[in-house]
């Protein structure tokens, strides 16, 4: 999965854009950022990178970020509420 495919999948599933950020750190969001040592995903809160995980491949990072988002209770509730 590429970043573009991830974005399309998130839009299709109607995941709220406030829940995630791709390419930059955004407070109180799940973030995916490419850095020198790999693809970083984490939850950004008050300047902290919580549960930060680094992946060697774009695909693995995208798939894991998608899992994080879909397993987040608040995100699931929002999706369910707006798809009924």
Protein backbone atom coordinates (compact mmCIF):
# COMPACT_ATOMS: atom_id res chain seq x y z
CA UNK A 1 0.00 0.00 0.00
CA UNK A 2 1.28 3.47 -0.88
CA UNK A 3 0.47 6.76 0.80
CA UNK A 4 -1.84 7.64 -2.09
CA UNK A 5 -3.66 4.32 -1.74
CA UNK A 6 -3.91 4.86 2.02
CA UNK A 7 -5.41 8.31 1.54
CA UNK A 8 -7.96 6.94 -0.93
CA UNK A 9 -8.87 4.10 1.44
CA UNK A 10 -9.29 6.48 4.38
CA UNK A 11 -11.56 8.73 2.31
CA UNK A 12 -13.59 5.76 1.08
CA UNK A 13 -14.07 4.59 4.68
CA UNK A 14 -14.90 8.18 5.70
CA UNK A 15 -12.22 8.32 8.38
CA UNK A 16 -12.25 11.90 9.70
CA UNK A 17 -9.27 13.88 8.43
CA UNK A 18 -8.74 15.35 11.91
CA UNK A 19 -7.83 11.87 13.14
CA UNK A 20 -4.65 11.54 11.08
CA UNK A 21 -1.85 13.43 9.41
CA UNK A 22 0.38 12.20 6.60
CA UNK A 23 3.70 13.92 6.00
CA UNK A 24 3.68 16.24 9.00
CA UNK A 25 3.21 16.18 12.75
CA UNK A 26 -0.27 17.28 13.81
CA UNK A 27 -1.22 17.46 17.50
CA UNK A 28 -3.80 14.93 18.70
CA UNK A 29 -3.59 12.92 15.47
CA UNK A 30 -2.17 9.65 14.26
CA UNK A 31 0.83 10.61 12.14
CA UNK A 32 2.81 8.99 9.36
CA UNK A 33 6.09 10.71 8.50
CA UNK A 34 9.04 9.69 6.33
CA UNK A 35 12.37 10.30 8.04
CA UNK A 36 15.94 9.31 7.27
CA UNK A 37 15.72 6.03 9.15
CA UNK A 38 12.33 4.93 7.83
CA UNK A 39 8.60 5.49 7.99
CA UNK A 40 7.42 6.63 11.43
CA UNK A 41 3.90 6.23 12.74
CA UNK A 42 2.78 7.49 16.14
CA UNK A 43 0.07 9.34 18.00
CA UNK A 44 1.04 12.99 18.47
CA UNK A 45 -0.05 14.60 21.70
CA UNK A 46 1.41 17.74 23.29
CA UNK A 47 4.61 17.41 21.32
CA UNK A 48 5.13 13.76 22.25
CA UNK A 49 5.30 10.86 19.83
CA UNK A 50 3.33 8.17 21.62
CA UNK A 51 3.65 4.52 20.59
CA UNK A 52 6.13 5.52 17.87
CA UNK A 53 7.01 2.69 15.53
CA UNK A 54 9.47 2.78 12.64
CA UNK A 55 9.03 0.75 9.46
CA UNK A 56 11.49 0.09 6.66
CA UNK A 57 8.76 0.10 4.02
CA UNK A 58 6.04 2.57 3.09
CA UNK A 59 3.59 -0.28 2.65
CA UNK A 60 4.05 -1.69 6.16
CA UNK A 61 3.72 1.76 7.73
CA UNK A 62 0.56 2.55 5.75
CA UNK A 63 -1.06 -0.75 6.63
CA UNK A 64 -0.26 -0.32 10.33
CA UNK A 65 -1.56 3.26 10.41
CA UNK A 66 -4.79 2.05 8.83
CA UNK A 67 -5.08 -0.64 11.53
CA UNK A 68 -4.47 1.94 14.29
CA UNK A 69 -7.14 4.24 12.92
CA UNK A 70 -9.74 1.53 12.42
CA UNK A 71 -9.10 0.14 15.91
CA UNK A 72 -9.47 3.52 17.60
CA UNK A 73 -12.82 3.61 19.39
CA UNK A 74 -13.41 7.32 18.78
CA UNK A 75 -12.67 6.99 15.07
CA UNK A 76 -14.94 3.92 14.78
CA UNK A 77 -17.78 5.72 16.56
CA UNK A 78 -17.42 8.73 14.24
CA UNK A 79 -17.45 6.50 11.15
CA UNK A 80 -20.47 4.55 12.40
CA UNK A 81 -22.35 7.73 13.30
CA UNK A 82 -21.77 9.31 9.90
CA UNK A 83 -22.56 6.19 7.88
CA UNK A 84 -26.01 5.48 9.26
